[in-house]
Amino acid sequence: MSYDPRTIAFMAEILYQPVQLATDVLQGIHNRLFQQPELSYQNFQVAPDGVHLTNLPTSPGANSSVTFLPDRLVVREELRGTTLEDFATRMVNVAGISLQEIGIPASVGQQFIIRSLVTPRYVKDSREFLSQRMLAGSPDAWQQLGRPIDSLGLRFTFPQHEGNHELYNVRVETWNQDPRSIWIENVGTFTSPVSVDAVPELSTLMTSTYRFLTGPVCDFIQEYDTP
């Protein structure tokens, strides 16, 4: 038995030494990306929290954007039906062009966020699945709280270990938009520098974060998904 996770969000934060961002340089990046339909962003906005390149939302809650901050570049695709391969291609190209144009020689660290949904096969309510299976709480024990539970979840931190130099933070929670679905997130943190000439390596790191979520984490959840 295996799940088919439905990934609803990808995000990458490419960190670098703080720099002074020039608006005209960022406008040039926007123009370069706009010339490539698969990488283009429709809007350019200077805001108090950074400079944003955005696409119009295709559905409620959807987000397709790049944000430039003094110490990081944030690439985000949420609720747009984006695949891992599509996002990795966009991220690598956006990061490569942006770092070169701004004059940043290397990323000093990276953080990747994957959010997916899975549907248990033998329990129709994810609150029941987490509370009575994964947390092994009896109905009587939960009643001690005196109120019904609308949502609940678990959180795990996986530190660097032996040959694994990344840090993973995993959350497994109910999802109020669909009581049957379990919402899972993995935040992968990497601290090794990646030079601007080696930005394709970012795709490998992103893929590692994705595979830990869709592999070991989903396998762990399945251990509790029995008749």
N, C-alpha and C. Protein backbone atom coordinates (compact mmCIF):
# COMPACT_ATOMS: atom_id res chain seq x y z
N MET A 1 0.84 -1.18 0.00
CA MET A 1 0.00 0.00 0.00
C MET A 1 0.88 1.24 0.00
N SER A 2 0.53 2.22 -0.80
CA SER A 2 1.30 3.46 -0.82
C SER A 2 0.36 4.62 -1.06
N TYR A 3 0.71 5.77 -0.51
CA TYR A 3 -0.08 6.99 -0.73
C TYR A 3 0.37 7.66 -2.02
N ASP A 4 -0.50 8.52 -2.52
CA ASP A 4 -0.17 9.38 -3.64
C ASP A 4 -0.32 10.81 -3.14
N PRO A 5 0.73 11.37 -2.49
CA PRO A 5 0.61 12.70 -1.88
C PRO A 5 0.26 13.76 -2.92
N ARG A 6 -0.61 14.67 -2.52
CA ARG A 6 -0.99 15.80 -3.37
C ARG A 6 -0.26 17.03 -2.83
N THR A 7 0.79 17.41 -3.51
CA THR A 7 1.60 18.53 -3.02
C THR A 7 0.91 19.84 -3.37
N ILE A 8 0.69 20.68 -2.35
CA ILE A 8 -0.06 21.92 -2.54
C ILE A 8 0.83 23.15 -2.42
N ALA A 9 2.07 23.00 -1.99
CA ALA A 9 2.92 24.19 -1.84
C ALA A 9 4.39 23.81 -1.92
N PHE A 10 5.14 24.64 -2.66
CA PHE A 10 6.60 24.60 -2.71
C PHE A 10 7.12 25.99 -2.37
N MET A 11 8.17 26.04 -1.56
CA MET A 11 8.80 27.33 -1.28
C MET A 11 10.30 27.12 -1.08
N ALA A 12 11.08 28.04 -1.60
CA ALA A 12 12.53 27.99 -1.44
C ALA A 12 13.02 29.34 -0.95
N GLU A 13 13.85 29.33 0.06
CA GLU A 13 14.51 30.54 0.55
C GLU A 13 16.01 30.38 0.31
N ILE A 14 16.54 31.23 -0.54
CA ILE A 14 17.96 31.19 -0.87
C ILE A 14 18.63 32.34 -0.12
N LEU A 15 19.43 32.00 0.89
CA LEU A 15 20.02 33.01 1.76
C LEU A 15 21.39 33.45 1.26
N TYR A 16 21.71 34.73 1.49
CA TYR A 16 23.01 35.27 1.11
C TYR A 16 23.40 36.38 2.07
N GLN A 17 24.66 36.81 1.97
CA GLN A 17 25.10 37.92 2.81
C GLN A 17 24.28 39.16 2.49
N PRO A 18 23.87 39.93 3.51
CA PRO A 18 23.02 41.10 3.27
C PRO A 18 23.62 42.06 2.23
N VAL A 19 22.75 42.52 1.33
CA VAL A 19 23.16 43.45 0.28
C VAL A 19 22.15 44.58 0.18
N GLN A 20 22.55 45.65 -0.45
CA GLN A 20 21.65 46.76 -0.75
C GLN A 20 21.02 46.49 -2.11
N LEU A 21 19.72 46.30 -2.13
CA LEU A 21 19.03 45.97 -3.37
C LEU A 21 18.70 47.24 -4.15
N ALA A 22 19.06 47.25 -5.42
CA ALA A 22 18.77 48.39 -6.29
C ALA A 22 17.52 48.07 -7.11
N THR A 23 16.54 48.97 -7.06
CA THR A 23 15.28 48.74 -7.74
C THR A 23 15.46 48.55 -9.24
N ASP A 24 16.36 49.33 -9.85
CA ASP A 24 16.54 49.20 -11.29
C ASP A 24 17.12 47.85 -11.68
N VAL A 25 17.98 47.29 -10.83
CA VAL A 25 18.52 45.95 -11.09
C VAL A 25 17.40 44.91 -11.00
N LEU A 26 16.54 45.04 -10.00
CA LEU A 26 15.44 44.09 -9.85
C LEU A 26 14.44 44.21 -11.00
N GLN A 27 14.24 45.42 -11.48
CA GLN A 27 13.37 45.60 -12.65
C GLN A 27 13.98 44.91 -13.88
N GLY A 28 15.31 44.96 -13.99
CA GLY A 28 15.98 44.26 -15.08
C GLY A 28 15.79 42.76 -14.98
N ILE A 29 15.83 42.22 -13.74
CA ILE A 29 15.58 40.79 -13.54
C ILE A 29 14.16 40.45 -13.95
N HIS A 30 13.22 41.30 -13.55
CA HIS A 30 11.82 41.08 -13.93
C HIS A 30 11.68 41.04 -15.44
N ASN A 31 12.33 41.94 -16.12
CA ASN A 31 12.25 41.97 -17.58
C ASN A 31 12.85 40.72 -18.21
N ARG A 32 13.97 40.25 -17.69
CA ARG A 32 14.59 39.04 -18.23
C ARG A 32 13.68 37.83 -18.04
N LEU A 33 13.09 37.72 -16.86
CA LEU A 33 12.20 36.60 -16.61
C LEU A 33 10.94 36.69 -17.47
N PHE A 34 10.46 37.90 -17.68
CA PHE A 34 9.22 38.09 -18.44
C PHE A 34 9.39 37.66 -19.89
N GLN A 35 10.61 37.68 -20.37
CA GLN A 35 10.86 37.27 -21.75
C GLN A 35 10.79 35.76 -21.93
N GLN A 36 10.74 35.02 -20.80
CA GLN A 36 10.63 33.57 -20.86
C GLN A 36 9.28 33.15 -20.25
N PRO A 37 8.31 32.76 -21.07
CA PRO A 37 6.96 32.49 -20.56
C PRO A 37 6.91 31.53 -19.38
N GLU A 38 7.79 30.54 -19.36
CA GLU A 38 7.76 29.56 -18.26
C GLU A 38 8.32 30.12 -16.96
N LEU A 39 8.97 31.29 -17.03
CA LEU A 39 9.55 31.91 -15.83
C LEU A 39 8.96 33.27 -15.51
N SER A 40 8.03 33.73 -16.33
CA SER A 40 7.59 35.13 -16.24
C SER A 40 6.69 35.39 -15.04
N TYR A 41 6.72 36.65 -14.59
CA TYR A 41 5.83 37.16 -13.56
C TYR A 41 5.18 38.42 -14.09
N GLN A 42 3.89 38.56 -13.84
CA GLN A 42 3.14 39.66 -14.44
C GLN A 42 3.35 40.99 -13.74
N ASN A 43 3.51 40.97 -12.44
CA ASN A 43 3.53 42.21 -11.67
C ASN A 43 4.87 42.43 -10.97
N PHE A 44 5.23 43.70 -10.83
CA PHE A 44 6.43 44.13 -10.11
C PHE A 44 5.98 45.13 -9.06
N GLN A 45 6.29 44.86 -7.80
CA GLN A 45 5.82 45.73 -6.72
C GLN A 45 6.92 45.96 -5.69
N VAL A 46 7.13 47.23 -5.35
CA VAL A 46 8.04 47.60 -4.27
C VAL A 46 7.19 47.82 -3.02
N ALA A 47 7.44 47.04 -1.98
CA ALA A 47 6.64 47.10 -0.75
C ALA A 47 7.56 47.22 0.46
N PRO A 48 7.02 47.60 1.62
CA PRO A 48 7.85 47.73 2.82
C PRO A 48 8.60 46.45 3.20
N ASP A 49 8.02 45.28 2.87
CA ASP A 49 8.65 44.03 3.25
C ASP A 49 9.53 43.44 2.16
N GLY A 50 9.73 44.15 1.05
CA GLY A 50 10.59 43.65 -0.01
C GLY A 50 10.04 43.99 -1.38
N VAL A 51 10.71 43.50 -2.39
CA VAL A 51 10.27 43.69 -3.78
C VAL A 51 9.67 42.37 -4.26
N HIS A 52 8.46 42.44 -4.79
CA HIS A 52 7.72 41.23 -5.15
C HIS A 52 7.47 41.16 -6.65
N LEU A 53 7.72 39.99 -7.21
CA LEU A 53 7.27 39.66 -8.55
C LEU A 53 6.16 38.64 -8.37
N THR A 54 4.99 38.89 -8.97
CA THR A 54 3.85 38.01 -8.72
C THR A 54 3.08 37.73 -10.00
N ASN A 55 2.40 36.59 -9.98
CA ASN A 55 1.42 36.26 -11.01
C ASN A 55 0.03 36.34 -10.40
N LEU A 56 -0.96 36.63 -11.22
CA LEU A 56 -2.32 36.71 -10.73
C LEU A 56 -2.76 35.33 -10.23
N PRO A 57 -3.46 35.27 -9.09
CA PRO A 57 -3.91 33.97 -8.57
C PRO A 57 -4.89 33.30 -9.51
N THR A 58 -4.71 32.01 -9.69
CA THR A 58 -5.60 31.25 -10.57
C THR A 58 -6.74 30.61 -9.80
N SER A 59 -6.67 30.63 -8.46
CA SER A 59 -7.71 30.07 -7.60
C SER A 59 -7.54 30.68 -6.21
N PRO A 60 -8.56 30.61 -5.36
CA PRO A 60 -8.43 31.17 -4.00
C PRO A 60 -7.24 30.59 -3.26
N GLY A 61 -6.42 31.46 -2.70
CA GLY A 61 -5.25 31.02 -1.94
C GLY A 61 -4.02 30.73 -2.77
N ALA A 62 -4.13 30.75 -4.09
CA ALA A 62 -2.97 30.44 -4.94
C ALA A 62 -1.95 31.56 -4.87
N ASN A 63 -0.68 31.19 -4.98
CA ASN A 63 0.41 32.16 -4.89
C ASN A 63 1.54 31.72 -5.82
N SER A 64 1.94 32.62 -6.69
CA SER A 64 3.11 32.40 -7.54
C SER A 64 3.93 33.67 -7.47
N SER A 65 5.07 33.60 -6.80
CA SER A 65 5.80 34.84 -6.53
C SER A 65 7.28 34.61 -6.30
N VAL A 66 8.00 35.71 -6.46
CA VAL A 66 9.41 35.81 -6.05
C VAL A 66 9.52 37.06 -5.19
N THR A 67 10.16 36.94 -4.05
CA THR A 67 10.36 38.10 -3.18
C THR A 67 11.86 38.31 -2.98
N PHE A 68 12.30 39.54 -3.17
CA PHE A 68 13.69 39.92 -2.95
C PHE A 68 13.79 40.64 -1.62
N LEU A 69 14.61 40.12 -0.73
CA LEU A 69 14.89 40.74 0.56
C LEU A 69 16.39 40.99 0.66
N PRO A 70 16.83 41.86 1.57
CA PRO A 70 18.26 42.14 1.65
C PRO A 70 19.14 40.92 1.91
N ASP A 71 18.58 39.87 2.54
CA ASP A 71 19.40 38.71 2.88
C ASP A 71 18.92 37.40 2.26
N ARG A 72 17.89 37.46 1.42
CA ARG A 72 17.39 36.21 0.84
C ARG A 72 16.48 36.45 -0.36
N LEU A 73 16.36 35.39 -1.14
CA LEU A 73 15.45 35.34 -2.27
C LEU A 73 14.43 34.25 -1.97
N VAL A 74 13.16 34.56 -2.09
CA VAL A 74 12.11 33.60 -1.76
C VAL A 74 11.29 33.31 -3.01
N VAL A 75 11.23 32.04 -3.40
CA VAL A 75 10.44 31.61 -4.55
C VAL A 75 9.31 30.74 -4.01
N ARG A 76 8.08 31.06 -4.46
CA ARG A 76 6.91 30.39 -3.88
C ARG A 76 5.89 30.02 -4.96
N GLU A 77 5.39 28.79 -4.86
CA GLU A 77 4.28 28.33 -5.71
C GLU A 77 3.32 27.55 -4.82
N GLU A 78 2.10 28.06 -4.66
CA GLU A 78 1.12 27.42 -3.79
C GLU A 78 -0.21 27.26 -4.51
N LEU A 79 -0.81 26.07 -4.34
CA LEU A 79 -2.15 25.78 -4.86
C LEU A 79 -2.27 26.10 -6.35
N ARG A 80 -1.25 25.70 -7.11
CA ARG A 80 -1.26 25.96 -8.55
C ARG A 80 -1.05 24.69 -9.38
N GLY A 81 -1.09 23.53 -8.72
CA GLY A 81 -0.89 22.29 -9.46
C GLY A 81 0.53 22.11 -9.96
N THR A 82 1.48 22.76 -9.32
CA THR A 82 2.88 22.71 -9.74
C THR A 82 3.50 21.38 -9.36
N THR A 83 4.30 20.81 -10.25
CA THR A 83 5.03 19.58 -9.94
C THR A 83 6.40 19.93 -9.36
N LEU A 84 7.03 18.94 -8.76
CA LEU A 84 8.38 19.13 -8.24
C LEU A 84 9.33 19.57 -9.34
N GLU A 85 9.24 18.92 -10.49
CA GLU A 85 10.14 19.24 -11.59
C GLU A 85 9.92 20.66 -12.09
N ASP A 86 8.66 21.07 -12.20
CA ASP A 86 8.36 22.44 -12.64
C ASP A 86 8.92 23.47 -11.67
N PHE A 87 8.71 23.21 -10.37
CA PHE A 87 9.19 24.18 -9.39
C PHE A 87 10.71 24.24 -9.36
N ALA A 88 11.34 23.07 -9.39
CA ALA A 88 12.80 23.04 -9.34
C ALA A 88 13.40 23.80 -10.53
N THR A 89 12.81 23.62 -11.72
CA THR A 89 13.30 24.33 -12.90
C THR A 89 13.14 25.84 -12.74
N ARG A 90 11.98 26.27 -12.26
CA ARG A 90 11.75 27.70 -12.05
C ARG A 90 12.72 28.24 -11.01
N MET A 91 12.85 27.55 -9.89
CA MET A 91 13.70 28.03 -8.80
C MET A 91 15.15 28.18 -9.25
N VAL A 92 15.68 27.17 -9.93
CA VAL A 92 17.08 27.20 -10.36
C VAL A 92 17.31 28.35 -11.33
N ASN A 93 16.42 28.54 -12.28
CA ASN A 93 16.59 29.61 -13.25
C ASN A 93 16.42 30.99 -12.64
N VAL A 94 15.42 31.15 -11.78
CA VAL A 94 15.22 32.44 -11.12
C VAL A 94 16.40 32.77 -10.22
N ALA A 95 16.87 31.79 -9.46
CA ALA A 95 18.00 32.03 -8.56
C ALA A 95 19.27 32.34 -9.35
N GLY A 96 19.52 31.58 -10.43
CA GLY A 96 20.73 31.82 -11.21
C GLY A 96 20.76 33.22 -11.81
N ILE A 97 19.65 33.63 -12.42
CA ILE A 97 19.59 34.97 -13.02
C ILE A 97 19.69 36.04 -11.95
N SER A 98 18.97 35.86 -10.86
CA SER A 98 18.91 36.90 -9.83
C SER A 98 20.25 37.10 -9.13
N LEU A 99 20.90 36.01 -8.73
CA LEU A 99 22.17 36.14 -8.04
C LEU A 99 23.22 36.78 -8.94
N GLN A 100 23.22 36.41 -10.20
CA GLN A 100 24.18 37.01 -11.14
C GLN A 100 23.93 38.50 -11.30
N GLU A 101 22.69 38.89 -11.51
CA GLU A 101 22.37 40.29 -11.75
C GLU A 101 22.62 41.16 -10.52
N ILE A 102 22.32 40.63 -9.34
CA ILE A 102 22.53 41.41 -8.12
C ILE A 102 24.01 41.45 -7.74
N GLY A 103 24.76 40.47 -8.20
CA GLY A 103 26.18 40.42 -7.89
C GLY A 103 26.50 39.64 -6.63
N ILE A 104 25.72 38.60 -6.38
CA ILE A 104 25.92 37.75 -5.20
C ILE A 104 26.69 36.51 -5.63
N PRO A 105 27.87 36.26 -5.06
CA PRO A 105 28.70 35.14 -5.53
C PRO A 105 28.20 33.77 -5.09
N ALA A 106 27.49 33.72 -3.95
CA ALA A 106 27.08 32.41 -3.44
C ALA A 106 25.94 32.56 -2.45
N SER A 107 25.14 31.51 -2.37
CA SER A 107 24.15 31.38 -1.30
C SER A 107 24.84 30.77 -0.08
N VAL A 108 24.62 31.36 1.09
CA VAL A 108 25.27 30.85 2.31
C VAL A 108 24.42 29.81 3.03
N GLY A 109 23.19 29.64 2.60
CA GLY A 109 22.30 28.65 3.21
C GLY A 109 21.00 28.59 2.43
N GLN A 110 20.26 27.51 2.62
CA GLN A 110 19.03 27.33 1.86
C GLN A 110 17.98 26.66 2.76
N GLN A 111 16.74 27.03 2.53
CA GLN A 111 15.62 26.40 3.24
C GLN A 111 14.51 26.11 2.24
N PHE A 112 14.01 24.87 2.26
CA PHE A 112 12.98 24.45 1.33
C PHE A 112 11.77 23.94 2.11
N ILE A 113 10.59 24.30 1.65
CA ILE A 113 9.36 23.91 2.33
C ILE A 113 8.46 23.18 1.34
N ILE A 114 8.01 22.00 1.74
CA ILE A 114 7.08 21.19 0.95
C ILE A 114 5.84 20.95 1.80
N ARG A 115 4.67 21.19 1.24
CA ARG A 115 3.42 20.89 1.94
C ARG A 115 2.57 19.99 1.04
N SER A 116 2.11 18.89 1.61
CA SER A 116 1.33 17.93 0.83
C SER A 116 0.14 17.44 1.64
N LEU A 117 -0.78 16.78 0.95
CA LEU A 117 -1.94 16.16 1.58
C LEU A 117 -1.95 14.67 1.26
N VAL A 118 -2.34 13.88 2.26
CA VAL A 118 -2.57 12.45 2.03
C VAL A 118 -3.91 12.09 2.65
N THR A 119 -4.55 11.07 2.12
CA THR A 119 -5.86 10.64 2.61
C THR A 119 -5.76 9.22 3.16
N PRO A 120 -5.96 9.04 4.46
CA PRO A 120 -5.93 7.69 5.02
C PRO A 120 -6.98 6.81 4.37
N ARG A 121 -6.70 5.52 4.29
CA ARG A 121 -7.59 4.59 3.61
C ARG A 121 -8.67 4.03 4.52
N TYR A 122 -8.39 3.93 5.83
CA TYR A 122 -9.30 3.20 6.70
C TYR A 122 -9.98 4.08 7.75
N VAL A 123 -9.69 5.36 7.76
CA VAL A 123 -10.34 6.28 8.70
C VAL A 123 -10.80 7.49 7.91
N LYS A 124 -12.06 7.87 8.08
CA LYS A 124 -12.62 8.95 7.27
C LYS A 124 -12.36 10.34 7.85
N ASP A 125 -12.02 10.42 9.13
CA ASP A 125 -11.80 11.72 9.77
C ASP A 125 -10.36 11.78 10.25
N SER A 126 -9.61 12.74 9.74
CA SER A 126 -8.19 12.83 10.10
C SER A 126 -8.00 13.13 11.59
N ARG A 127 -8.97 13.78 12.23
CA ARG A 127 -8.85 14.03 13.67
C ARG A 127 -8.88 12.72 14.45
N GLU A 128 -9.73 11.81 14.02
CA GLU A 128 -9.77 10.49 14.64
C GLU A 128 -8.47 9.73 14.36
N PHE A 129 -7.96 9.85 13.14
CA PHE A 129 -6.73 9.14 12.78
C PHE A 129 -5.57 9.59 13.66
N LEU A 130 -5.40 10.90 13.83
CA LEU A 130 -4.28 11.39 14.63
C LEU A 130 -4.49 11.14 16.12
N SER A 131 -5.68 11.40 16.61
CA SER A 131 -5.90 11.32 18.06
C SER A 131 -5.95 9.89 18.58
N GLN A 132 -6.59 8.99 17.82
CA GLN A 132 -6.79 7.64 18.32
C GLN A 132 -5.82 6.61 17.76
N ARG A 133 -5.07 6.99 16.72
CA ARG A 133 -4.11 6.05 16.16
C ARG A 133 -2.68 6.54 16.35
N MET A 134 -2.36 7.69 15.79
CA MET A 134 -0.98 8.16 15.89
C MET A 134 -0.63 8.61 17.30
N LEU A 135 -1.59 9.24 18.00
CA LEU A 135 -1.34 9.67 19.38
C LEU A 135 -1.82 8.64 20.40
N ALA A 136 -2.54 7.63 19.93
CA ALA A 136 -2.97 6.51 20.78
C ALA A 136 -3.72 6.98 22.01
N GLY A 137 -4.54 8.00 21.86
CA GLY A 137 -5.34 8.46 22.98
C GLY A 137 -6.72 7.84 22.97
N SER A 138 -7.20 7.41 24.11
CA SER A 138 -8.54 6.84 24.17
C SER A 138 -9.57 7.96 24.15
N PRO A 139 -10.79 7.68 23.70
CA PRO A 139 -11.83 8.72 23.71
C PRO A 139 -12.05 9.31 25.09
N ASP A 140 -11.96 8.49 26.12
CA ASP A 140 -12.16 8.99 27.49
C ASP A 140 -11.08 10.00 27.87
N ALA A 141 -9.85 9.74 27.44
CA ALA A 141 -8.75 10.66 27.77
C ALA A 141 -8.96 12.02 27.13
N TRP A 142 -9.38 12.03 25.89
CA TRP A 142 -9.61 13.30 25.20
C TRP A 142 -10.77 14.06 25.81
N GLN A 143 -11.75 13.35 26.37
CA GLN A 143 -12.89 14.03 26.98
C GLN A 143 -12.51 14.81 28.22
N GLN A 144 -11.34 14.51 28.79
CA GLN A 144 -10.90 15.26 29.95
C GLN A 144 -10.67 16.74 29.64
N LEU A 145 -10.46 17.06 28.35
CA LEU A 145 -10.26 18.44 27.96
C LEU A 145 -11.56 19.24 28.02
N GLY A 146 -12.68 18.54 27.99
CA GLY A 146 -13.96 19.21 28.18
C GLY A 146 -14.51 19.93 26.97
N ARG A 147 -13.81 19.86 25.85
CA ARG A 147 -14.28 20.54 24.65
C ARG A 147 -13.91 19.72 23.42
N PRO A 148 -14.68 19.83 22.35
CA PRO A 148 -14.32 19.10 21.13
C PRO A 148 -13.05 19.66 20.51
N ILE A 149 -12.35 18.83 19.75
CA ILE A 149 -11.11 19.22 19.10
C ILE A 149 -11.38 19.53 17.64
N ASP A 150 -10.97 20.71 17.22
CA ASP A 150 -11.17 21.10 15.83
C ASP A 150 -9.99 20.71 14.97
N SER A 151 -8.77 20.75 15.55
CA SER A 151 -7.58 20.36 14.81
C SER A 151 -6.51 19.94 15.80
N LEU A 152 -5.58 19.12 15.33
CA LEU A 152 -4.46 18.68 16.15
C LEU A 152 -3.35 18.16 15.25
N GLY A 153 -2.16 17.99 15.83
CA GLY A 153 -1.06 17.53 15.00
C GLY A 153 0.16 17.15 15.81
N LEU A 154 1.18 16.72 15.09
CA LEU A 154 2.45 16.32 15.68
C LEU A 154 3.56 17.09 14.99
N ARG A 155 4.67 17.24 15.70
CA ARG A 155 5.83 17.91 15.12
C ARG A 155 7.09 17.11 15.46
N PHE A 156 7.97 16.96 14.47
CA PHE A 156 9.21 16.21 14.63
C PHE A 156 10.38 17.05 14.12
N THR A 157 11.51 16.96 14.80
CA THR A 157 12.74 17.57 14.32
C THR A 157 13.78 16.47 14.12
N PHE A 158 14.36 16.43 12.94
CA PHE A 158 15.39 15.44 12.60
C PHE A 158 16.71 16.18 12.41
N PRO A 159 17.61 16.08 13.37
CA PRO A 159 18.87 16.86 13.30
C PRO A 159 19.86 16.23 12.32
N GLN A 160 20.95 16.94 12.12
CA GLN A 160 22.03 16.37 11.32
C GLN A 160 22.50 15.08 11.98
N HIS A 161 22.75 14.07 11.15
CA HIS A 161 23.06 12.75 11.69
C HIS A 161 23.95 12.00 10.73
N GLU A 162 25.12 11.60 11.21
CA GLU A 162 26.08 10.85 10.41
C GLU A 162 26.32 11.56 9.08
N GLY A 163 25.98 10.94 7.96
CA GLY A 163 26.26 11.56 6.67
C GLY A 163 25.20 12.53 6.21
N ASN A 164 24.15 12.72 7.02
CA ASN A 164 23.06 13.63 6.64
C ASN A 164 23.33 15.00 7.25
N HIS A 165 23.62 15.98 6.41
CA HIS A 165 24.01 17.30 6.90
C HIS A 165 22.86 18.30 6.93
N GLU A 166 21.66 17.84 6.55
CA GLU A 166 20.52 18.74 6.57
C GLU A 166 19.71 18.55 7.85
N LEU A 167 18.91 19.56 8.16
CA LEU A 167 17.98 19.52 9.29
C LEU A 167 16.57 19.51 8.72
N TYR A 168 15.74 18.58 9.19
CA TYR A 168 14.35 18.50 8.74
C TYR A 168 13.41 18.78 9.91
N ASN A 169 12.43 19.63 9.69
CA ASN A 169 11.34 19.86 10.63
C ASN A 169 10.04 19.43 9.96
N VAL A 170 9.37 18.45 10.53
CA VAL A 170 8.18 17.84 9.94
C VAL A 170 6.98 18.09 10.83
N ARG A 171 5.87 18.45 10.18
CA ARG A 171 4.59 18.60 10.87
C ARG A 171 3.57 17.69 10.21
N VAL A 172 2.76 17.03 11.04
CA VAL A 172 1.66 16.18 10.57
C VAL A 172 0.41 16.67 11.28
N GLU A 173 -0.55 17.19 10.52
CA GLU A 173 -1.70 17.83 11.14
C GLU A 173 -2.99 17.51 10.37
N THR A 174 -4.10 17.78 11.04
CA THR A 174 -5.38 17.74 10.35
C THR A 174 -5.48 18.98 9.45
N TRP A 175 -6.42 18.91 8.49
CA TRP A 175 -6.58 20.01 7.55
C TRP A 175 -8.06 20.38 7.51
N ASN A 176 -8.38 21.55 8.04
CA ASN A 176 -9.78 21.92 8.22
C ASN A 176 -10.54 22.05 6.90
N GLN A 177 -9.86 22.30 5.81
CA GLN A 177 -10.55 22.44 4.53
C GLN A 177 -11.09 21.11 4.02
N ASP A 178 -10.55 20.02 4.53
CA ASP A 178 -11.02 18.68 4.14
C ASP A 178 -10.75 17.74 5.30
N PRO A 179 -11.77 17.40 6.10
CA PRO A 179 -11.57 16.57 7.29
C PRO A 179 -10.94 15.22 7.02
N ARG A 180 -11.02 14.73 5.79
CA ARG A 180 -10.44 13.43 5.48
C ARG A 180 -8.93 13.50 5.27
N SER A 181 -8.42 14.66 4.92
CA SER A 181 -7.02 14.78 4.53
C SER A 181 -6.10 15.08 5.71
N ILE A 182 -4.91 14.52 5.63
CA ILE A 182 -3.84 14.84 6.57
C ILE A 182 -2.86 15.79 5.87
N TRP A 183 -2.55 16.88 6.52
CA TRP A 183 -1.65 17.91 6.00
C TRP A 183 -0.25 17.63 6.55
N ILE A 184 0.72 17.49 5.66
CA ILE A 184 2.08 17.21 6.11
C ILE A 184 3.03 18.24 5.50
N GLU A 185 4.01 18.64 6.29
CA GLU A 185 4.98 19.65 5.85
C GLU A 185 6.38 19.20 6.24
N ASN A 186 7.32 19.44 5.34
CA ASN A 186 8.73 19.25 5.67
C ASN A 186 9.49 20.51 5.33
N VAL A 187 10.23 21.03 6.31
CA VAL A 187 11.10 22.18 6.11
C VAL A 187 12.53 21.68 6.17
N GLY A 188 13.21 21.70 5.04
CA GLY A 188 14.60 21.24 4.98
C GLY A 188 15.55 22.42 5.03
N THR A 189 16.47 22.40 5.99
CA THR A 189 17.44 23.48 6.17
C THR A 189 18.84 22.97 5.84
N PHE A 190 19.52 23.67 4.94
CA PHE A 190 20.86 23.29 4.49
C PHE A 190 21.81 24.47 4.74
N THR A 191 22.99 24.19 5.23
CA THR A 191 23.89 25.27 5.64
C THR A 191 25.19 25.32 4.84
N SER A 192 25.30 24.52 3.80
CA SER A 192 26.51 24.55 2.98
C SER A 192 26.37 25.62 1.89
N PRO A 193 27.41 26.40 1.64
CA PRO A 193 27.34 27.42 0.57
C PRO A 193 27.15 26.76 -0.79
N VAL A 194 26.41 27.46 -1.65
CA VAL A 194 26.23 27.05 -3.04
C VAL A 194 26.58 28.25 -3.91
N SER A 195 27.62 28.11 -4.73
CA SER A 195 28.06 29.24 -5.55
C SER A 195 27.06 29.50 -6.66
N VAL A 196 27.11 30.70 -7.21
CA VAL A 196 26.19 31.07 -8.28
C VAL A 196 26.40 30.18 -9.51
N ASP A 197 27.60 29.66 -9.69
CA ASP A 197 27.87 28.77 -10.82
C ASP A 197 27.33 27.36 -10.59
N ALA A 198 26.93 27.07 -9.35
CA ALA A 198 26.46 25.72 -9.02
C ALA A 198 25.00 25.71 -8.60
N VAL A 199 24.21 26.70 -9.05
CA VAL A 199 22.82 26.77 -8.60
C VAL A 199 21.99 25.53 -8.96
N PRO A 200 22.33 24.74 -10.00
CA PRO A 200 21.55 23.51 -10.22
C PRO A 200 21.55 22.57 -9.01
N GLU A 201 22.55 22.72 -8.12
CA GLU A 201 22.57 21.90 -6.91
C GLU A 201 21.34 22.16 -6.04
N LEU A 202 20.75 23.35 -6.16
CA LEU A 202 19.55 23.66 -5.37
C LEU A 202 18.43 22.67 -5.68
N SER A 203 18.36 22.22 -6.91
CA SER A 203 17.34 21.24 -7.28
C SER A 203 17.52 19.94 -6.52
N THR A 204 18.76 19.52 -6.33
CA THR A 204 19.04 18.28 -5.59
C THR A 204 18.60 18.41 -4.14
N LEU A 205 18.87 19.56 -3.54
CA LEU A 205 18.48 19.78 -2.14
C LEU A 205 16.96 19.82 -2.00
N MET A 206 16.31 20.47 -2.94
CA MET A 206 14.84 20.52 -2.93
C MET A 206 14.26 19.11 -3.07
N THR A 207 14.82 18.34 -3.96
CA THR A 207 14.34 16.98 -4.18
C THR A 207 14.53 16.12 -2.93
N SER A 208 15.63 16.30 -2.22
CA SER A 208 15.86 15.55 -0.98
C SER A 208 14.78 15.87 0.05
N THR A 209 14.42 17.15 0.16
CA THR A 209 13.37 17.56 1.10
C THR A 209 12.04 16.92 0.72
N TYR A 210 11.74 16.93 -0.57
CA TYR A 210 10.50 16.34 -1.07
C TYR A 210 10.46 14.83 -0.82
N ARG A 211 11.55 14.17 -1.11
CA ARG A 211 11.57 12.71 -0.99
C ARG A 211 11.50 12.25 0.46
N PHE A 212 12.02 13.03 1.39
CA PHE A 212 11.89 12.64 2.80
C PHE A 212 10.43 12.71 3.22
N LEU A 213 9.71 13.71 2.70
CA LEU A 213 8.29 13.84 3.04
C LEU A 213 7.46 12.73 2.41
N THR A 214 7.66 12.49 1.12
CA THR A 214 6.84 11.51 0.41
C THR A 214 7.32 10.08 0.62
N GLY A 215 8.51 9.91 1.19
CA GLY A 215 9.04 8.58 1.47
C GLY A 215 8.90 8.21 2.93
N PRO A 216 9.93 8.44 3.76
CA PRO A 216 9.88 8.03 5.16
C PRO A 216 8.70 8.57 5.96
N VAL A 217 8.34 9.85 5.75
CA VAL A 217 7.23 10.40 6.53
C VAL A 217 5.92 9.72 6.16
N CYS A 218 5.64 9.57 4.87
CA CYS A 218 4.42 8.87 4.46
C CYS A 218 4.43 7.41 4.88
N ASP A 219 5.59 6.76 4.82
CA ASP A 219 5.69 5.37 5.27
C ASP A 219 5.36 5.27 6.77
N PHE A 220 5.82 6.25 7.53
CA PHE A 220 5.54 6.27 8.97
C PHE A 220 4.03 6.41 9.22
N ILE A 221 3.38 7.31 8.50
CA ILE A 221 1.94 7.50 8.66
C ILE A 221 1.18 6.22 8.30
N GLN A 222 1.63 5.55 7.25
CA GLN A 222 0.94 4.33 6.80
C GLN A 222 0.98 3.23 7.83
N GLU A 223 1.95 3.24 8.71
CA GLU A 223 2.01 2.21 9.75
C GLU A 223 0.76 2.23 10.63
N TYR A 224 0.09 3.37 10.70
CA TYR A 224 -1.11 3.50 11.53
C TYR A 224 -2.39 3.38 10.72
N ASP A 225 -2.24 3.26 9.41
CA ASP A 225 -3.39 3.23 8.52
C ASP A 225 -3.72 1.78 8.17
N THR A 226 -4.40 1.12 9.10
CA THR A 226 -4.71 -0.31 8.95
C THR A 226 -6.20 -0.52 9.20
N PRO A 227 -6.76 -1.64 8.75
CA PRO A 227 -8.19 -1.91 9.00
C PRO A 227 -8.49 -1.97 10.49
